[in-house]
Amino acid sequence: MKAVEDEVMRVKEHKETRREYMTYAMETKRRELASFAEGEKTGEKKKETMMILAMLRKGFSVESIAECEQTSVEYIMELGKKNHLL
């Protein structure tokens, strides 16, 4: 146990190793944040898609949906055709 503790202390005191660890820790945190942000975007897009499909099922016009969702008529048409709603 003492040998492990001594090695940890030695590594912590070594400037180059400490710098490498901090660089690694910062890069890991950056990747985690980027992954989280990407997950949020994906979730938002899925909600938008579900809303558009629900509106198509209820008979809203493609133009009205495009205006409400602030997207193109072409996108609504493509989505509607893929889901056999148009």
PDB file of N, CA and C in Angstrom:
ATOM      1  N   MET A   1       0.826  -1.180   0.000  1.00  0.00           N
ATOM      2  CA  MET A   1       0.000   0.000   0.000  1.00  0.00           C
ATOM      3  C   MET A   1       0.876   1.251   0.000  1.00  0.00           C
ATOM      4  N   LYS A   2       1.910   1.217   0.790  1.00  0.00           N
ATOM      5  CA  LYS A   2       2.827   2.347   0.901  1.00  0.00           C
ATOM      6  C   LYS A   2       3.518   2.613  -0.439  1.00  0.00           C
ATOM      7  N   ALA A   3       3.857   1.542  -1.162  1.00  0.00           N
ATOM      8  CA  ALA A   3       4.536   1.689  -2.455  1.00  0.00           C
ATOM      9  C   ALA A   3       3.624   2.399  -3.461  1.00  0.00           C
ATOM     10  N   VAL A   4       2.358   2.055  -3.458  1.00  0.00           N
ATOM     11  CA  VAL A   4       1.398   2.691  -4.368  1.00  0.00           C
ATOM     12  C   VAL A   4       1.256   4.167  -4.010  1.00  0.00           C
ATOM     13  N   GLU A   5       1.108   4.447  -2.729  1.00  0.00           N
ATOM     14  CA  GLU A   5       0.987   5.834  -2.265  1.00  0.00           C
ATOM     15  C   GLU A   5       2.219   6.656  -2.656  1.00  0.00           C
ATOM     16  N   ASP A   6       3.399   6.082  -2.498  1.00  0.00           N
ATOM     17  CA  ASP A   6       4.635   6.772  -2.879  1.00  0.00           C
ATOM     18  C   ASP A   6       4.672   7.050  -4.382  1.00  0.00           C
ATOM     19  N   GLU A   7       4.230   6.084  -5.169  1.00  0.00           N
ATOM     20  CA  GLU A   7       4.229   6.261  -6.621  1.00  0.00           C
ATOM     21  C   GLU A   7       3.246   7.360  -7.035  1.00  0.00           C
ATOM     22  N   VAL A   8       2.093   7.392  -6.416  1.00  0.00           N
ATOM     23  CA  VAL A   8       1.107   8.441  -6.698  1.00  0.00           C
ATOM     24  C   VAL A   8       1.692   9.806  -6.375  1.00  0.00           C
ATOM     25  N   MET A   9       2.320   9.936  -5.250  1.00  0.00           N
ATOM     26  CA  MET A   9       2.938  11.210  -4.854  1.00  0.00           C
ATOM     27  C   MET A   9       4.041  11.601  -5.834  1.00  0.00           C
ATOM     28  N   ARG A  10       4.839  10.630  -6.273  1.00  0.00           N
ATOM     29  CA  ARG A  10       5.914  10.911  -7.219  1.00  0.00           C
ATOM     30  C   ARG A  10       5.351  11.424  -8.546  1.00  0.00           C
ATOM     31  N   VAL A  11       4.291  10.781  -9.032  1.00  0.00           N
ATOM     32  CA  VAL A  11       3.679  11.187 -10.296  1.00  0.00           C
ATOM     33  C   VAL A  11       3.073  12.578 -10.169  1.00  0.00           C
ATOM     34  N   LYS A  12       2.396  12.846  -9.046  1.00  0.00           N
ATOM     35  CA  LYS A  12       1.784  14.163  -8.836  1.00  0.00           C
ATOM     36  C   LYS A  12       2.826  15.277  -8.824  1.00  0.00           C
ATOM     37  N   GLU A  13       4.007  14.986  -8.338  1.00  0.00           N
ATOM     38  CA  GLU A  13       5.053  15.991  -8.240  1.00  0.00           C
ATOM     39  C   GLU A  13       5.826  16.175  -9.551  1.00  0.00           C
ATOM     40  N   HIS A  14       5.714  15.245 -10.463  1.00  0.00           N
ATOM     41  CA  HIS A  14       6.417  15.324 -11.741  1.00  0.00           C
ATOM     42  C   HIS A  14       5.641  16.277 -12.673  1.00  0.00           C
ATOM     43  N   LYS A  15       6.239  17.398 -13.029  1.00  0.00           N
ATOM     44  CA  LYS A  15       5.555  18.443 -13.789  1.00  0.00           C
ATOM     45  C   LYS A  15       5.058  17.971 -15.147  1.00  0.00           C
ATOM     46  N   GLU A  16       5.885  17.258 -15.883  1.00  0.00           N
ATOM     47  CA  GLU A  16       5.493  16.812 -17.227  1.00  0.00           C
ATOM     48  C   GLU A  16       4.308  15.849 -17.154  1.00  0.00           C
ATOM     49  N   THR A  17       4.340  14.902 -16.236  1.00  0.00           N
ATOM     50  CA  THR A  17       3.246  13.948 -16.073  1.00  0.00           C
ATOM     51  C   THR A  17       1.973  14.673 -15.656  1.00  0.00           C
ATOM     52  N   ARG A  18       2.112  15.622 -14.751  1.00  0.00           N
ATOM     53  CA  ARG A  18       0.951  16.389 -14.290  1.00  0.00           C
ATOM     54  C   ARG A  18       0.343  17.171 -15.458  1.00  0.00           C
ATOM     55  N   ARG A  19       1.177  17.767 -16.298  1.00  0.00           N
ATOM     56  CA  ARG A  19       0.703  18.518 -17.463  1.00  0.00           C
ATOM     57  C   ARG A  19      -0.030  17.591 -18.438  1.00  0.00           C
ATOM     58  N   GLU A  20       0.544  16.417 -18.688  1.00  0.00           N
ATOM     59  CA  GLU A  20      -0.099  15.451 -19.580  1.00  0.00           C
ATOM     60  C   GLU A  20      -1.460  15.026 -19.039  1.00  0.00           C
ATOM     61  N   TYR A  21      -1.525  14.778 -17.732  1.00  0.00           N
ATOM     62  CA  TYR A  21      -2.791  14.377 -17.124  1.00  0.00           C
ATOM     63  C   TYR A  21      -3.823  15.488 -17.258  1.00  0.00           C
ATOM     64  N   MET A  22      -3.426  16.728 -17.006  1.00  0.00           N
ATOM     65  CA  MET A  22      -4.366  17.847 -17.096  1.00  0.00           C
ATOM     66  C   MET A  22      -4.862  18.021 -18.533  1.00  0.00           C
ATOM     67  N   THR A  23      -3.968  17.870 -19.496  1.00  0.00           N
ATOM     68  CA  THR A  23      -4.351  17.954 -20.905  1.00  0.00           C
ATOM     69  C   THR A  23      -5.361  16.856 -21.227  1.00  0.00           C
ATOM     70  N   TYR A  24      -5.064  15.652 -20.761  1.00  0.00           N
ATOM     71  CA  TYR A  24      -5.973  14.522 -20.979  1.00  0.00           C
ATOM     72  C   TYR A  24      -7.330  14.786 -20.322  1.00  0.00           C
ATOM     73  N   ALA A  25      -7.328  15.283 -19.095  1.00  0.00           N
ATOM     74  CA  ALA A  25      -8.577  15.554 -18.371  1.00  0.00           C
ATOM     75  C   ALA A  25      -9.390  16.632 -19.087  1.00  0.00           C
ATOM     76  N   MET A  26      -8.727  17.666 -19.583  1.00  0.00           N
ATOM     77  CA  MET A  26      -9.434  18.741 -20.287  1.00  0.00           C
ATOM     78  C   MET A  26     -10.036  18.231 -21.595  1.00  0.00           C
ATOM     79  N   GLU A  27      -9.296  17.410 -22.314  1.00  0.00           N
ATOM     80  CA  GLU A  27      -9.798  16.855 -23.569  1.00  0.00           C
ATOM     81  C   GLU A  27     -10.984  15.923 -23.314  1.00  0.00           C
ATOM     82  N   THR A  28     -10.908  15.134 -22.264  1.00  0.00           N
ATOM     83  CA  THR A  28     -12.011  14.248 -21.902  1.00  0.00           C
ATOM     84  C   THR A  28     -13.262  15.061 -21.582  1.00  0.00           C
ATOM     85  N   LYS A  29     -13.117  16.126 -20.828  1.00  0.00           N
ATOM     86  CA  LYS A  29     -14.250  16.991 -20.471  1.00  0.00           C
ATOM     87  C   LYS A  29     -14.833  17.642 -21.723  1.00  0.00           C
ATOM     88  N   ARG A  30     -13.980  18.104 -22.634  1.00  0.00           N
ATOM     89  CA  ARG A  30     -14.448  18.726 -23.876  1.00  0.00           C
ATOM     90  C   ARG A  30     -15.275  17.739 -24.699  1.00  0.00           C
ATOM     91  N   ARG A  31     -14.804  16.498 -24.778  1.00  0.00           N
ATOM     92  CA  ARG A  31     -15.542  15.473 -25.527  1.00  0.00           C
ATOM     93  C   ARG A  31     -16.886  15.153 -24.875  1.00  0.00           C
ATOM     94  N   GLU A  32     -16.907  15.086 -23.555  1.00  0.00           N
ATOM     95  CA  GLU A  32     -18.161  14.832 -22.844  1.00  0.00           C
ATOM     96  C   GLU A  32     -19.175  15.939 -23.124  1.00  0.00           C
ATOM     97  N   LEU A  33     -18.715  17.183 -23.065  1.00  0.00           N
ATOM     98  CA  LEU A  33     -19.612  18.317 -23.324  1.00  0.00           C
ATOM     99  C   LEU A  33     -20.103  18.319 -24.763  1.00  0.00           C
ATOM    100  N   ALA A  34     -19.225  18.015 -25.705  1.00  0.00           N
ATOM    101  CA  ALA A  34     -19.617  17.956 -27.112  1.00  0.00           C
ATOM    102  C   ALA A  34     -20.636  16.845 -27.337  1.00  0.00           C
ATOM    103  N   SER A  35     -20.423  15.715 -26.705  1.00  0.00           N
ATOM    104  CA  SER A  35     -21.348  14.592 -26.825  1.00  0.00           C
ATOM    105  C   SER A  35     -22.711  14.950 -26.240  1.00  0.00           C
ATOM    106  N   PHE A  36     -22.712  15.620 -25.108  1.00  0.00           N
ATOM    107  CA  PHE A  36     -23.957  16.045 -24.467  1.00  0.00           C
ATOM    108  C   PHE A  36     -24.712  17.018 -25.371  1.00  0.00           C
ATOM    109  N   ALA A  37     -23.995  17.984 -25.934  1.00  0.00           N
ATOM    110  CA  ALA A  37     -24.624  18.973 -26.813  1.00  0.00           C
ATOM    111  C   ALA A  37     -25.226  18.298 -28.044  1.00  0.00           C
ATOM    112  N   GLU A  38     -24.520  17.337 -28.605  1.00  0.00           N
ATOM    113  CA  GLU A  38     -25.017  16.616 -29.767  1.00  0.00           C
ATOM    114  C   GLU A  38     -26.279  15.830 -29.419  1.00  0.00           C
ATOM    115  N   GLY A  39     -26.289  15.238 -28.245  1.00  0.00           N
ATOM    116  CA  GLY A  39     -27.474  14.512 -27.785  1.00  0.00           C
ATOM    117  C   GLY A  39     -28.672  15.419 -27.633  1.00  0.00           C
ATOM    118  N   GLU A  40     -28.456  16.625 -27.139  1.00  0.00           N
ATOM    119  CA  GLU A  40     -29.551  17.589 -27.014  1.00  0.00           C
ATOM    120  C   GLU A  40     -30.096  17.969 -28.380  1.00  0.00           C
ATOM    121  N   LYS A  41     -29.219  18.204 -29.352  1.00  0.00           N
ATOM    122  CA  LYS A  41     -29.655  18.557 -30.699  1.00  0.00           C
ATOM    123  C   LYS A  41     -30.492  17.440 -31.300  1.00  0.00           C
ATOM    124  N   THR A  42     -30.038  16.213 -31.110  1.00  0.00           N
ATOM    125  CA  THR A  42     -30.750  15.059 -31.645  1.00  0.00           C
ATOM    126  C   THR A  42     -32.136  14.956 -31.017  1.00  0.00           C
ATOM    127  N   GLY A  43     -32.215  15.189 -29.718  1.00  0.00           N
ATOM    128  CA  GLY A  43     -33.498  15.151 -29.028  1.00  0.00           C
ATOM    129  C   GLY A  43     -34.446  16.224 -29.510  1.00  0.00           C
ATOM    130  N   GLU A  44     -33.932  17.425 -29.736  1.00  0.00           N
ATOM    131  CA  GLU A  44     -34.753  18.517 -30.242  1.00  0.00           C
ATOM    132  C   GLU A  44     -35.273  18.203 -31.637  1.00  0.00           C
ATOM    133  N   LYS A  45     -34.420  17.651 -32.482  1.00  0.00           N
ATOM    134  CA  LYS A  45     -34.820  17.310 -33.850  1.00  0.00           C
ATOM    135  C   LYS A  45     -35.901  16.229 -33.826  1.00  0.00           C
ATOM    136  N   LYS A  46     -35.770  15.271 -32.935  1.00  0.00           N
ATOM    137  CA  LYS A  46     -36.771  14.201 -32.840  1.00  0.00           C
ATOM    138  C   LYS A  46     -38.117  14.771 -32.414  1.00  0.00           C
ATOM    139  N   LYS A  47     -38.114  15.699 -31.435  1.00  0.00           N
ATOM    140  CA  LYS A  47     -39.367  16.324 -31.004  1.00  0.00           C
ATOM    141  C   LYS A  47     -40.009  17.085 -32.150  1.00  0.00           C
ATOM    142  N   GLU A  48     -39.191  17.821 -32.907  1.00  0.00           N
ATOM    143  CA  GLU A  48     -39.703  18.583 -34.044  1.00  0.00           C
ATOM    144  C   GLU A  48     -40.340  17.644 -35.066  1.00  0.00           C
ATOM    145  N   THR A  49     -39.665  16.546 -35.358  1.00  0.00           N
ATOM    146  CA  THR A  49     -40.181  15.569 -36.315  1.00  0.00           C
ATOM    147  C   THR A  49     -41.497  14.977 -35.839  1.00  0.00           C
ATOM    148  N   MET A  50     -41.579  14.629 -34.573  1.00  0.00           N
ATOM    149  CA  MET A  50     -42.817  14.054 -34.024  1.00  0.00           C
ATOM    150  C   MET A  50     -43.965  15.056 -34.111  1.00  0.00           C
ATOM    151  N   MET A  51     -43.682  16.333 -33.852  1.00  0.00           N
ATOM    152  CA  MET A  51     -44.702  17.374 -33.927  1.00  0.00           C
ATOM    153  C   MET A  51     -45.197  17.525 -35.365  1.00  0.00           C
ATOM    154  N   ILE A  52     -44.287  17.539 -36.301  1.00  0.00           N
ATOM    155  CA  ILE A  52     -44.662  17.669 -37.710  1.00  0.00           C
ATOM    156  C   ILE A  52     -45.539  16.497 -38.136  1.00  0.00           C
ATOM    157  N   LEU A  53     -45.155  15.298 -37.752  1.00  0.00           N
ATOM    158  CA  LEU A  53     -45.945  14.116 -38.118  1.00  0.00           C
ATOM    159  C   LEU A  53     -47.333  14.157 -37.480  1.00  0.00           C
ATOM    160  N   ALA A  54     -47.412  14.611 -36.248  1.00  0.00           N
ATOM    161  CA  ALA A  54     -48.712  14.728 -35.578  1.00  0.00           C
ATOM    162  C   ALA A  54     -49.593  15.735 -36.301  1.00  0.00           C
ATOM    163  N   MET A  55     -49.018  16.835 -36.718  1.00  0.00           N
ATOM    164  CA  MET A  55     -49.790  17.860 -37.432  1.00  0.00           C
ATOM    165  C   MET A  55     -50.266  17.347 -38.788  1.00  0.00           C
ATOM    166  N   LEU A  56     -49.415  16.583 -39.468  1.00  0.00           N
ATOM    167  CA  LEU A  56     -49.832  15.984 -40.743  1.00  0.00           C
ATOM    168  C   LEU A  56     -50.989  15.014 -40.529  1.00  0.00           C
ATOM    169  N   ARG A  57     -50.918  14.210 -39.486  1.00  0.00           N
ATOM    170  CA  ARG A  57     -51.992  13.254 -39.189  1.00  0.00           C
ATOM    171  C   ARG A  57     -53.314  13.964 -38.914  1.00  0.00           C
ATOM    172  N   LYS A  58     -53.243  15.137 -38.311  1.00  0.00           N
ATOM    173  CA  LYS A  58     -54.456  15.897 -37.981  1.00  0.00           C
ATOM    174  C   LYS A  58     -54.983  16.707 -39.158  1.00  0.00           C
ATOM    175  N   GLY A  59     -54.249  16.673 -40.284  1.00  0.00           N
ATOM    176  CA  GLY A  59     -54.745  17.317 -41.488  1.00  0.00           C
ATOM    177  C   GLY A  59     -54.312  18.759 -41.688  1.00  0.00           C
ATOM    178  N   PHE A  60     -53.341  19.238 -40.928  1.00  0.00           N
ATOM    179  CA  PHE A  60     -52.831  20.589 -41.138  1.00  0.00           C
ATOM    180  C   PHE A  60     -52.192  20.672 -42.522  1.00  0.00           C
ATOM    181  N   SER A  61     -52.260  21.838 -43.125  1.00  0.00           N
ATOM    182  CA  SER A  61     -51.640  21.999 -44.442  1.00  0.00           C
ATOM    183  C   SER A  61     -50.121  22.022 -44.295  1.00  0.00           C
ATOM    184  N   VAL A  62     -49.452  21.584 -45.344  1.00  0.00           N
ATOM    185  CA  VAL A  62     -47.995  21.546 -45.357  1.00  0.00           C
ATOM    186  C   VAL A  62     -47.437  22.952 -45.148  1.00  0.00           C
ATOM    187  N   GLU A  63     -48.067  23.929 -45.776  1.00  0.00           N
ATOM    188  CA  GLU A  63     -47.612  25.317 -45.655  1.00  0.00           C
ATOM    189  C   GLU A  63     -47.736  25.821 -44.216  1.00  0.00           C
ATOM    190  N   SER A  64     -48.845  25.486 -43.560  1.00  0.00           N
ATOM    191  CA  SER A  64     -49.053  25.908 -42.167  1.00  0.00           C
ATOM    192  C   SER A  64     -48.012  25.279 -41.242  1.00  0.00           C
ATOM    193  N   ILE A  65     -47.751  24.011 -41.463  1.00  0.00           N
ATOM    194  CA  ILE A  65     -46.762  23.311 -40.637  1.00  0.00           C
ATOM    195  C   ILE A  65     -45.383  23.930 -40.841  1.00  0.00           C
ATOM    196  N   ALA A  66     -45.038  24.179 -42.093  1.00  0.00           N
ATOM    197  CA  ALA A  66     -43.728  24.770 -42.395  1.00  0.00           C
ATOM    198  C   ALA A  66     -43.585  26.119 -41.712  1.00  0.00           C
ATOM    199  N   GLU A  67     -44.643  26.903 -41.728  1.00  0.00           N
ATOM    200  CA  GLU A  67     -44.609  28.217 -41.077  1.00  0.00           C
ATOM    201  C   GLU A  67     -44.482  28.074 -39.564  1.00  0.00           C
ATOM    202  N   CYS A  68     -45.258  27.200 -38.968  1.00  0.00           N
ATOM    203  CA  CYS A  68     -45.217  27.001 -37.506  1.00  0.00           C
ATOM    204  C   CYS A  68     -43.867  26.465 -37.040  1.00  0.00           C
ATOM    205  N   GLU A  69     -43.321  25.517 -37.778  1.00  0.00           N
ATOM    206  CA  GLU A  69     -42.066  24.869 -37.388  1.00  0.00           C
ATOM    207  C   GLU A  69     -40.832  25.585 -37.937  1.00  0.00           C
ATOM    208  N   GLN A  70     -41.070  26.660 -38.693  1.00  0.00           N
ATOM    209  CA  GLN A  70     -39.989  27.448 -39.281  1.00  0.00           C
ATOM    210  C   GLN A  70     -39.019  26.570 -40.070  1.00  0.00           C
ATOM    211  N   THR A  71     -39.601  25.805 -40.965  1.00  0.00           N
ATOM    212  CA  THR A  71     -38.813  24.935 -41.832  1.00  0.00           C
ATOM    213  C   THR A  71     -39.386  25.009 -43.234  1.00  0.00           C
ATOM    214  N   SER A  72     -38.795  24.303 -44.161  1.00  0.00           N
ATOM    215  CA  SER A  72     -39.239  24.395 -45.557  1.00  0.00           C
ATOM    216  C   SER A  72     -40.402  23.454 -45.854  1.00  0.00           C
ATOM    217  N   VAL A  73     -41.179  23.861 -46.847  1.00  0.00           N
ATOM    218  CA  VAL A  73     -42.279  23.023 -47.326  1.00  0.00           C
ATOM    219  C   VAL A  73     -41.712  21.712 -47.861  1.00  0.00           C
ATOM    220  N   GLU A  74     -40.566  21.795 -48.521  1.00  0.00           N
ATOM    221  CA  GLU A  74     -39.939  20.601 -49.091  1.00  0.00           C
ATOM    222  C   GLU A  74     -39.614  19.574 -48.000  1.00  0.00           C
ATOM    223  N   TYR A  75     -39.117  20.065 -46.855  1.00  0.00           N
ATOM    224  CA  TYR A  75     -38.785  19.158 -45.748  1.00  0.00           C
ATOM    225  C   TYR A  75     -40.048  18.479 -45.221  1.00  0.00           C
ATOM    226  N   ILE A  76     -41.122  19.249 -45.072  1.00  0.00           N
ATOM    227  CA  ILE A  76     -42.395  18.689 -44.582  1.00  0.00           C
ATOM    228  C   ILE A  76     -42.897  17.643 -45.578  1.00  0.00           C
ATOM    229  N   MET A  77     -42.824  17.953 -46.864  1.00  0.00           N
ATOM    230  CA  MET A  77     -43.276  17.008 -47.894  1.00  0.00           C
ATOM    231  C   MET A  77     -42.460  15.715 -47.843  1.00  0.00           C
ATOM    232  N   GLU A  78     -41.153  15.849 -47.742  1.00  0.00           N
ATOM    233  CA  GLU A  78     -40.273  14.678 -47.679  1.00  0.00           C
ATOM    234  C   GLU A  78     -40.615  13.818 -46.469  1.00  0.00           C
ATOM    235  N   LEU A  79     -40.769  14.452 -45.323  1.00  0.00           N
ATOM    236  CA  LEU A  79     -41.092  13.739 -44.089  1.00  0.00           C
ATOM    237  C   LEU A  79     -42.460  13.058 -44.200  1.00  0.00           C
ATOM    238  N   GLY A  80     -43.428  13.770 -44.761  1.00  0.00           N
ATOM    239  CA  GLY A  80     -44.768  13.206 -44.935  1.00  0.00           C
ATOM    240  C   GLY A  80     -44.776  12.002 -45.861  1.00  0.00           C
ATOM    241  N   LYS A  81     -44.009  12.078 -46.953  1.00  0.00           N
ATOM    242  CA  LYS A  81     -43.934  10.962 -47.893  1.00  0.00           C
ATOM    243  C   LYS A  81     -43.240   9.757 -47.280  1.00  0.00           C
ATOM    244  N   LYS A  82     -42.141  10.017 -46.531  1.00  0.00           N
ATOM    245  CA  LYS A  82     -41.419   8.914 -45.871  1.00  0.00           C
ATOM    246  C   LYS A  82     -42.309   8.149 -44.904  1.00  0.00           C
ATOM    247  N   ASN A  83     -43.223   8.864 -44.279  1.00  0.00           N
ATOM    248  CA  ASN A  83     -44.091   8.259 -43.272  1.00  0.00           C
ATOM    249  C   ASN A  83     -45.474   7.943 -43.800  1.00  0.00           C
ATOM    250  N   HIS A  84     -45.623   7.957 -45.125  1.00  0.00           N
ATOM    251  CA  HIS A  84     -46.857   7.585 -45.815  1.00  0.00           C
ATOM    252  C   HIS A  84     -48.046   8.420 -45.358  1.00  0.00           C
ATOM    253  N   LEU A  85     -47.800   9.708 -45.151  1.00  0.00           N
ATOM    254  CA  LEU A  85     -48.872  10.610 -44.744  1.00  0.00           C
ATOM    255  C   LEU A  85     -49.262  11.550 -45.883  1.00  0.00           C
ATOM    256  N   LEU A  86     -48.467  11.575 -46.930  1.00  0.00           N
ATOM    257  CA  LEU A  86     -48.774  12.414 -48.101  1.00  0.00           C
ATOM    258  C   LEU A  86     -48.691  11.586 -49.371  1.00  0.00           C
TER     259      LEU A  86
END
